[in-house]
């Protein structure tokens, strides 16, 4: 993640860990930790780095199968906000 990042949402997961989602310059991100806050994994989401797009994640829920549903927006310098 870049030096500029914002945490938008956090949920406690079924394994008592946490999932944190937010945005950095040009990307959205999802972080999974254990119950002590130890980083387990990260996932980044980008749209198109060549078009100078931004991918923002604003909300998240955890699903019964251990996955996550994310909501956000994508802005591109070519087409505006989707």
PDB file of N, CA and C in Angstrom:
ATOM      1  N   UNK A   1       0.841  -1.185   0.000  1.00  0.00           N
ATOM      2  CA  UNK A   1       0.000   0.000   0.000  1.00  0.00           C
ATOM      3  C   UNK A   1       0.883   1.244   0.000  1.00  0.00           C
ATOM      4  N   UNK A   2       0.363   2.293  -0.512  1.00  0.00           N
ATOM      5  CA  UNK A   2       1.124   3.532  -0.590  1.00  0.00           C
ATOM      6  C   UNK A   2       1.091   4.258   0.753  1.00  0.00           C
ATOM      7  N   UNK A   3       1.794   5.371   0.826  1.00  0.00           N
ATOM      8  CA  UNK A   3       1.809   6.142   2.061  1.00  0.00           C
ATOM      9  C   UNK A   3       0.481   6.842   2.311  1.00  0.00           C
ATOM     10  N   UNK A   4      -0.308   7.077   1.262  1.00  0.00           N
ATOM     11  CA  UNK A   4      -1.641   7.645   1.412  1.00  0.00           C
ATOM     12  C   UNK A   4      -2.649   6.504   1.394  1.00  0.00           C
ATOM     13  N   UNK A   5      -3.327   6.283   2.490  1.00  0.00           N
ATOM     14  CA  UNK A   5      -4.375   5.268   2.501  1.00  0.00           C
ATOM     15  C   UNK A   5      -5.414   5.637   3.543  1.00  0.00           C
ATOM     16  N   UNK A   6      -6.639   5.205   3.288  1.00  0.00           N
ATOM     17  CA  UNK A   6      -7.742   5.452   4.202  1.00  0.00           C
ATOM     18  C   UNK A   6      -8.447   4.144   4.491  1.00  0.00           C
ATOM     19  N   UNK A   7      -8.692   3.879   5.757  1.00  0.00           N
ATOM     20  CA  UNK A   7      -9.465   2.720   6.157  1.00  0.00           C
ATOM     21  C   UNK A   7     -10.916   3.144   6.179  1.00  0.00           C
ATOM     22  N   UNK A   8     -11.757   2.453   5.429  1.00  0.00           N
ATOM     23  CA  UNK A   8     -13.166   2.806   5.364  1.00  0.00           C
ATOM     24  C   UNK A   8     -14.055   1.866   6.172  1.00  0.00           C
ATOM     25  N   UNK A   9     -13.694   0.605   6.269  1.00  0.00           N
ATOM     26  CA  UNK A   9     -14.577  -0.352   6.925  1.00  0.00           C
ATOM     27  C   UNK A   9     -13.780  -1.487   7.556  1.00  0.00           C
ATOM     28  N   UNK A  10     -14.293  -1.999   8.655  1.00  0.00           N
ATOM     29  CA  UNK A  10     -13.672  -3.125   9.353  1.00  0.00           C
ATOM     30  C   UNK A  10     -14.775  -4.032   9.877  1.00  0.00           C
ATOM     31  N   UNK A  11     -14.573  -5.345   9.749  1.00  0.00           N
ATOM     32  CA  UNK A  11     -15.524  -6.318  10.282  1.00  0.00           C
ATOM     33  C   UNK A  11     -14.759  -7.397  11.031  1.00  0.00           C
ATOM     34  N   UNK A  12     -15.398  -7.936  12.066  1.00  0.00           N
ATOM     35  CA  UNK A  12     -14.830  -9.096  12.734  1.00  0.00           C
ATOM     36  C   UNK A  12     -15.283 -10.334  11.985  1.00  0.00           C
ATOM     37  N   UNK A  13     -14.366 -11.248  11.745  1.00  0.00           N
ATOM     38  CA  UNK A  13     -14.656 -12.436  10.955  1.00  0.00           C
ATOM     39  C   UNK A  13     -15.033 -13.609  11.854  1.00  0.00           C
ATOM     40  N   UNK A  14     -15.555 -14.673  11.264  1.00  0.00           N
ATOM     41  CA  UNK A  14     -16.023 -15.844  12.015  1.00  0.00           C
ATOM     42  C   UNK A  14     -14.918 -16.481  12.848  1.00  0.00           C
ATOM     43  N   UNK A  15     -13.662 -16.353  12.413  1.00  0.00           N
ATOM     44  CA  UNK A  15     -12.529 -16.916  13.161  1.00  0.00           C
ATOM     45  C   UNK A  15     -11.996 -15.962  14.228  1.00  0.00           C
ATOM     46  N   UNK A  16     -12.776 -14.922  14.539  1.00  0.00           N
ATOM     47  CA  UNK A  16     -12.441 -13.901  15.534  1.00  0.00           C
ATOM     48  C   UNK A  16     -11.318 -12.967  15.102  1.00  0.00           C
ATOM     49  N   UNK A  17     -10.895 -13.060  13.848  1.00  0.00           N
ATOM     50  CA  UNK A  17      -9.936 -12.119  13.293  1.00  0.00           C
ATOM     51  C   UNK A  17     -10.680 -10.893  12.764  1.00  0.00           C
ATOM     52  N   UNK A  18      -9.997 -10.132  11.929  1.00  0.00           N
ATOM     53  CA  UNK A  18     -10.581  -8.905  11.372  1.00  0.00           C
ATOM     54  C   UNK A  18     -10.266  -8.795   9.892  1.00  0.00           C
ATOM     55  N   UNK A  19     -11.166  -8.155   9.185  1.00  0.00           N
ATOM     56  CA  UNK A  19     -10.936  -7.780   7.794  1.00  0.00           C
ATOM     57  C   UNK A  19     -11.084  -6.269   7.728  1.00  0.00           C
ATOM     58  N   UNK A  20     -10.131  -5.616   7.095  1.00  0.00           N
ATOM     59  CA  UNK A  20     -10.116  -4.166   6.958  1.00  0.00           C
ATOM     60  C   UNK A  20     -10.031  -3.845   5.476  1.00  0.00           C
ATOM     61  N   UNK A  21     -10.906  -2.956   5.008  1.00  0.00           N
ATOM     62  CA  UNK A  21     -10.887  -2.568   3.597  1.00  0.00           C
ATOM     63  C   UNK A  21     -10.798  -1.054   3.491  1.00  0.00           C
ATOM     64  N   UNK A  22     -10.149  -0.591   2.445  1.00  0.00           N
ATOM     65  CA  UNK A  22     -10.008   0.839   2.233  1.00  0.00           C
ATOM     66  C   UNK A  22      -9.384   1.127   0.886  1.00  0.00           C
ATOM     67  N   UNK A  23      -8.789   2.291   0.764  1.00  0.00           N
ATOM     68  CA  UNK A  23      -8.247   2.734  -0.513  1.00  0.00           C
ATOM     69  C   UNK A  23      -6.916   3.442  -0.325  1.00  0.00           C
ATOM     70  N   UNK A  24      -6.072   3.299  -1.324  1.00  0.00           N
ATOM     71  CA  UNK A  24      -4.818   4.035  -1.445  1.00  0.00           C
ATOM     72  C   UNK A  24      -4.838   4.706  -2.812  1.00  0.00           C
ATOM     73  N   UNK A  25      -3.799   5.430  -3.125  1.00  0.00           N
ATOM     74  CA  UNK A  25      -3.716   6.053  -4.439  1.00  0.00           C
ATOM     75  C   UNK A  25      -3.784   4.958  -5.503  1.00  0.00           C
ATOM     76  N   UNK A  26      -4.764   5.032  -6.400  1.00  0.00           N
ATOM     77  CA  UNK A  26      -4.968   4.140  -7.537  1.00  0.00           C
ATOM     78  C   UNK A  26      -5.440   2.727  -7.199  1.00  0.00           C
ATOM     79  N   UNK A  27      -5.695   2.396  -5.942  1.00  0.00           N
ATOM     80  CA  UNK A  27      -6.113   1.029  -5.654  1.00  0.00           C
ATOM     81  C   UNK A  27      -6.990   0.941  -4.407  1.00  0.00           C
ATOM     82  N   UNK A  28      -7.811  -0.096  -4.393  1.00  0.00           N
ATOM     83  CA  UNK A  28      -8.516  -0.480  -3.185  1.00  0.00           C
ATOM     84  C   UNK A  28      -7.774  -1.654  -2.573  1.00  0.00           C
ATOM     85  N   UNK A  29      -7.976  -1.901  -1.296  1.00  0.00           N
ATOM     86  CA  UNK A  29      -7.273  -2.996  -0.645  1.00  0.00           C
ATOM     87  C   UNK A  29      -8.131  -3.658   0.423  1.00  0.00           C
ATOM     88  N   UNK A  30      -7.802  -4.917   0.698  1.00  0.00           N
ATOM     89  CA  UNK A  30      -8.450  -5.716   1.724  1.00  0.00           C
ATOM     90  C   UNK A  30      -7.357  -6.413   2.516  1.00  0.00           C
ATOM     91  N   UNK A  31      -7.422  -6.299   3.832  1.00  0.00           N
ATOM     92  CA  UNK A  31      -6.427  -6.897   4.715  1.00  0.00           C
ATOM     93  C   UNK A  31      -7.142  -7.858   5.652  1.00  0.00           C
ATOM     94  N   UNK A  32      -6.557  -9.025   5.888  1.00  0.00           N
ATOM     95  CA  UNK A  32      -7.103  -9.987   6.846  1.00  0.00           C
ATOM     96  C   UNK A  32      -6.074 -10.190   7.946  1.00  0.00           C
ATOM     97  N   UNK A  33      -6.533 -10.097   9.212  1.00  0.00           N
ATOM     98  CA  UNK A  33      -5.660 -10.335  10.355  1.00  0.00           C
ATOM     99  C   UNK A  33      -6.252 -11.430  11.234  1.00  0.00           C
ATOM    100  N   UNK A  34      -5.426 -11.946  12.135  1.00  0.00           N
ATOM    101  CA  UNK A  34      -5.951 -12.868  13.145  1.00  0.00           C
ATOM    102  C   UNK A  34      -6.503 -12.051  14.308  1.00  0.00           C
ATOM    103  N   UNK A  35      -6.925 -12.712  15.366  1.00  0.00           N
ATOM    104  CA  UNK A  35      -7.554 -12.018  16.494  1.00  0.00           C
ATOM    105  C   UNK A  35      -6.598 -11.089  17.234  1.00  0.00           C
ATOM    106  N   UNK A  36      -5.294 -11.288  17.069  1.00  0.00           N
ATOM    107  CA  UNK A  36      -4.282 -10.434  17.711  1.00  0.00           C
ATOM    108  C   UNK A  36      -3.844  -9.277  16.824  1.00  0.00           C
ATOM    109  N   UNK A  37      -4.367  -9.230  15.607  1.00  0.00           N
ATOM    110  CA  UNK A  37      -3.986  -8.166  14.685  1.00  0.00           C
ATOM    111  C   UNK A  37      -2.799  -8.506  13.802  1.00  0.00           C
ATOM    112  N   UNK A  38      -2.332  -9.743  13.844  1.00  0.00           N
ATOM    113  CA  UNK A  38      -1.223 -10.167  13.000  1.00  0.00           C
ATOM    114  C   UNK A  38      -1.707 -10.315  11.559  1.00  0.00           C
ATOM    115  N   UNK A  39      -1.010  -9.712  10.628  1.00  0.00           N
ATOM    116  CA  UNK A  39      -1.381  -9.743   9.218  1.00  0.00           C
ATOM    117  C   UNK A  39      -1.318 -11.171   8.683  1.00  0.00           C
ATOM    118  N   UNK A  40      -2.419 -11.637   8.075  1.00  0.00           N
ATOM    119  CA  UNK A  40      -2.471 -12.958   7.458  1.00  0.00           C
ATOM    120  C   UNK A  40      -2.337 -12.869   5.945  1.00  0.00           C
ATOM    121  N   UNK A  41      -3.027 -11.914   5.325  1.00  0.00           N
ATOM    122  CA  UNK A  41      -2.915 -11.724   3.885  1.00  0.00           C
ATOM    123  C   UNK A  41      -3.471 -10.364   3.483  1.00  0.00           C
ATOM    124  N   UNK A  42      -3.104  -9.952   2.269  1.00  0.00           N
ATOM    125  CA  UNK A  42      -3.623  -8.704   1.690  1.00  0.00           C
ATOM    126  C   UNK A  42      -4.035  -8.965   0.251  1.00  0.00           C
ATOM    127  N   UNK A  43      -4.977  -8.187  -0.227  1.00  0.00           N
ATOM    128  CA  UNK A  43      -5.427  -8.240  -1.620  1.00  0.00           C
ATOM    129  C   UNK A  43      -5.615  -6.801  -2.086  1.00  0.00           C
ATOM    130  N   UNK A  44      -5.092  -6.471  -3.257  1.00  0.00           N
ATOM    131  CA  UNK A  44      -5.301  -5.137  -3.807  1.00  0.00           C
ATOM    132  C   UNK A  44      -6.173  -5.236  -5.053  1.00  0.00           C
ATOM    133  N   UNK A  45      -6.924  -4.169  -5.301  1.00  0.00           N
ATOM    134  CA  UNK A  45      -7.835  -4.101  -6.437  1.00  0.00           C
ATOM    135  C   UNK A  45      -7.516  -2.844  -7.231  1.00  0.00           C
ATOM    136  N   UNK A  46      -7.228  -3.028  -8.504  1.00  0.00           N
ATOM    137  CA  UNK A  46      -6.982  -1.898  -9.394  1.00  0.00           C
ATOM    138  C   UNK A  46      -7.868  -2.057 -10.621  1.00  0.00           C
ATOM    139  N   UNK A  47      -8.124  -0.969 -11.278  1.00  0.00           N
ATOM    140  CA  UNK A  47      -8.949  -1.014 -12.481  1.00  0.00           C
ATOM    141  C   UNK A  47      -8.068  -1.013 -13.716  1.00  0.00           C
ATOM    142  N   UNK A  48      -7.320   0.048 -13.905  1.00  0.00           N
ATOM    143  CA  UNK A  48      -6.475   0.167 -15.078  1.00  0.00           C
ATOM    144  C   UNK A  48      -5.417   1.223 -14.781  1.00  0.00           C
ATOM    145  N   UNK A  49      -4.230   0.778 -14.438  1.00  0.00           N
ATOM    146  CA  UNK A  49      -3.172   1.716 -14.062  1.00  0.00           C
ATOM    147  C   UNK A  49      -2.795   2.662 -15.196  1.00  0.00           C
ATOM    148  N   UNK A  50      -2.953   2.235 -16.439  1.00  0.00           N
ATOM    149  CA  UNK A  50      -2.590   3.076 -17.580  1.00  0.00           C
ATOM    150  C   UNK A  50      -3.511   4.279 -17.726  1.00  0.00           C
ATOM    151  N   UNK A  51      -4.782   4.153 -17.299  1.00  0.00           N
ATOM    152  CA  UNK A  51      -5.715   5.275 -17.450  1.00  0.00           C
ATOM    153  C   UNK A  51      -5.759   6.150 -16.191  1.00  0.00           C
ATOM    154  N   UNK A  52      -4.848   5.927 -15.257  1.00  0.00           N
ATOM    155  CA  UNK A  52      -4.819   6.700 -14.016  1.00  0.00           C
ATOM    156  C   UNK A  52      -6.154   6.597 -13.277  1.00  0.00           C
ATOM    157  N   UNK A  53      -6.644   5.384 -13.108  1.00  0.00           N
ATOM    158  CA  UNK A  53      -7.926   5.168 -12.447  1.00  0.00           C
ATOM    159  C   UNK A  53      -7.731   5.033 -10.940  1.00  0.00           C
ATOM    160  N   UNK A  54      -8.783   5.302 -10.210  1.00  0.00           N
ATOM    161  CA  UNK A  54      -8.821   5.086  -8.765  1.00  0.00           C
ATOM    162  C   UNK A  54      -9.897   4.057  -8.465  1.00  0.00           C
ATOM    163  N   UNK A  55      -9.582   3.117  -7.604  1.00  0.00           N
ATOM    164  CA  UNK A  55     -10.532   2.106  -7.156  1.00  0.00           C
ATOM    165  C   UNK A  55     -10.714   2.319  -5.655  1.00  0.00           C
ATOM    166  N   UNK A  56     -11.909   2.722  -5.250  1.00  0.00           N
ATOM    167  CA  UNK A  56     -12.188   3.021  -3.847  1.00  0.00           C
ATOM    168  C   UNK A  56     -13.149   2.000  -3.263  1.00  0.00           C
ATOM    169  N   UNK A  57     -12.837   1.488  -2.089  1.00  0.00           N
ATOM    170  CA  UNK A  57     -13.720   0.565  -1.378  1.00  0.00           C
ATOM    171  C   UNK A  57     -14.267   1.304  -0.168  1.00  0.00           C
ATOM    172  N   UNK A  58     -15.596   1.345  -0.060  1.00  0.00           N
ATOM    173  CA  UNK A  58     -16.247   2.088   1.010  1.00  0.00           C
ATOM    174  C   UNK A  58     -16.965   1.219   2.033  1.00  0.00           C
ATOM    175  N   UNK A  59     -17.378   0.022   1.646  1.00  0.00           N
ATOM    176  CA  UNK A  59     -18.154  -0.824   2.549  1.00  0.00           C
ATOM    177  C   UNK A  59     -17.829  -2.289   2.301  1.00  0.00           C
ATOM    178  N   UNK A  60     -18.050  -3.125   3.325  1.00  0.00           N
ATOM    179  CA  UNK A  60     -17.746  -4.544   3.224  1.00  0.00           C
ATOM    180  C   UNK A  60     -18.631  -5.307   4.191  1.00  0.00           C
ATOM    181  N   UNK A  61     -19.016  -6.507   3.792  1.00  0.00           N
ATOM    182  CA  UNK A  61     -19.646  -7.453   4.717  1.00  0.00           C
ATOM    183  C   UNK A  61     -18.942  -8.789   4.550  1.00  0.00           C
ATOM    184  N   UNK A  62     -18.949  -9.588   5.600  1.00  0.00           N
ATOM    185  CA  UNK A  62     -18.399 -10.939   5.487  1.00  0.00           C
ATOM    186  C   UNK A  62     -19.548 -11.894   5.190  1.00  0.00           C
ATOM    187  N   UNK A  63     -19.252 -12.929   4.425  1.00  0.00           N
ATOM    188  CA  UNK A  63     -20.276 -13.898   4.051  1.00  0.00           C
ATOM    189  C   UNK A  63     -20.148 -15.155   4.907  1.00  0.00           C
ATOM    190  N   UNK A  64     -21.168 -15.987   4.888  1.00  0.00           N
ATOM    191  CA  UNK A  64     -21.182 -17.208   5.693  1.00  0.00           C
ATOM    192  C   UNK A  64     -20.106 -18.201   5.287  1.00  0.00           C
ATOM    193  N   UNK A  65     -19.635 -18.123   4.047  1.00  0.00           N
ATOM    194  CA  UNK A  65     -18.618 -19.062   3.576  1.00  0.00           C
ATOM    195  C   UNK A  65     -17.193 -18.557   3.812  1.00  0.00           C
ATOM    196  N   UNK A  66     -17.033 -17.455   4.549  1.00  0.00           N
ATOM    197  CA  UNK A  66     -15.705 -16.926   4.858  1.00  0.00           C
ATOM    198  C   UNK A  66     -15.200 -15.897   3.865  1.00  0.00           C
ATOM    199  N   UNK A  67     -15.983 -15.593   2.855  1.00  0.00           N
ATOM    200  CA  UNK A  67     -15.592 -14.589   1.870  1.00  0.00           C
ATOM    201  C   UNK A  67     -16.083 -13.210   2.265  1.00  0.00           C
ATOM    202  N   UNK A  68     -15.931 -12.273   1.343  1.00  0.00           N
ATOM    203  CA  UNK A  68     -16.312 -10.889   1.601  1.00  0.00           C
ATOM    204  C   UNK A  68     -17.005 -10.310   0.383  1.00  0.00           C
ATOM    205  N   UNK A  69     -17.943  -9.422   0.619  1.00  0.00           N
ATOM    206  CA  UNK A  69     -18.553  -8.634  -0.448  1.00  0.00           C
ATOM    207  C   UNK A  69     -18.130  -7.191  -0.220  1.00  0.00           C
ATOM    208  N   UNK A  70     -17.578  -6.579  -1.253  1.00  0.00           N
ATOM    209  CA  UNK A  70     -17.066  -5.214  -1.168  1.00  0.00           C
ATOM    210  C   UNK A  70     -17.907  -4.296  -2.050  1.00  0.00           C
ATOM    211  N   UNK A  71     -18.086  -3.051  -1.606  1.00  0.00           N
ATOM    212  CA  UNK A  71     -18.783  -2.041  -2.401  1.00  0.00           C
ATOM    213  C   UNK A  71     -17.896  -0.813  -2.494  1.00  0.00           C
ATOM    214  N   UNK A  72     -17.889  -0.197  -3.665  1.00  0.00           N
ATOM    215  CA  UNK A  72     -17.060   0.982  -3.843  1.00  0.00           C
ATOM    216  C   UNK A  72     -17.310   1.637  -5.179  1.00  0.00           C
ATOM    217  N   UNK A  73     -16.295   2.346  -5.656  1.00  0.00           N
ATOM    218  CA  UNK A  73     -16.416   3.024  -6.940  1.00  0.00           C
ATOM    219  C   UNK A  73     -15.080   2.998  -7.657  1.00  0.00           C
ATOM    220  N   UNK A  74     -15.173   3.172  -8.963  1.00  0.00           N
ATOM    221  CA  UNK A  74     -13.980   3.290  -9.807  1.00  0.00           C
ATOM    222  C   UNK A  74     -14.080   4.599 -10.565  1.00  0.00           C
ATOM    223  N   UNK A  75     -13.029   5.381 -10.538  1.00  0.00           N
ATOM    224  CA  UNK A  75     -12.961   6.634 -11.287  1.00  0.00           C
ATOM    225  C   UNK A  75     -11.814   6.521 -12.265  1.00  0.00           C
ATOM    226  N   UNK A  76     -12.060   6.890 -13.513  1.00  0.00           N
ATOM    227  CA  UNK A  76     -10.996   6.901 -14.509  1.00  0.00           C
ATOM    228  C   UNK A  76     -10.858   8.283 -15.113  1.00  0.00           C
ATOM    229  N   UNK A  77      -9.661   8.594 -15.541  1.00  0.00           N
ATOM    230  CA  UNK A  77      -9.427   9.890 -16.177  1.00  0.00           C
ATOM    231  C   UNK A  77     -10.050   9.933 -17.566  1.00  0.00           C
ATOM    232  N   UNK A  78     -10.416   8.781 -18.090  1.00  0.00           N
ATOM    233  CA  UNK A  78     -11.012   8.705 -19.416  1.00  0.00           C
ATOM    234  C   UNK A  78     -12.528   8.895 -19.351  1.00  0.00           C
ATOM    235  N   UNK A  79     -13.187   8.197 -18.417  1.00  0.00           N
ATOM    236  CA  UNK A  79     -14.635   8.179 -18.448  1.00  0.00           C
ATOM    237  C   UNK A  79     -15.336   8.718 -17.225  1.00  0.00           C
ATOM    238  N   UNK A  80     -14.634   9.208 -16.232  1.00  0.00           N
ATOM    239  CA  UNK A  80     -15.282   9.706 -15.034  1.00  0.00           C
ATOM    240  C   UNK A  80     -15.596   8.584 -14.077  1.00  0.00           C
ATOM    241  N   UNK A  81     -16.586   8.774 -13.221  1.00  0.00           N
ATOM    242  CA  UNK A  81     -16.894   7.804 -12.174  1.00  0.00           C
ATOM    243  C   UNK A  81     -17.920   6.793 -12.649  1.00  0.00           C
ATOM    244  N   UNK A  82     -17.686   5.502 -12.306  1.00  0.00           N
ATOM    245  CA  UNK A  82     -18.608   4.402 -12.619  1.00  0.00           C
ATOM    246  C   UNK A  82     -19.341   3.985 -11.360  1.00  0.00           C
TER     247      UNK A  82
END
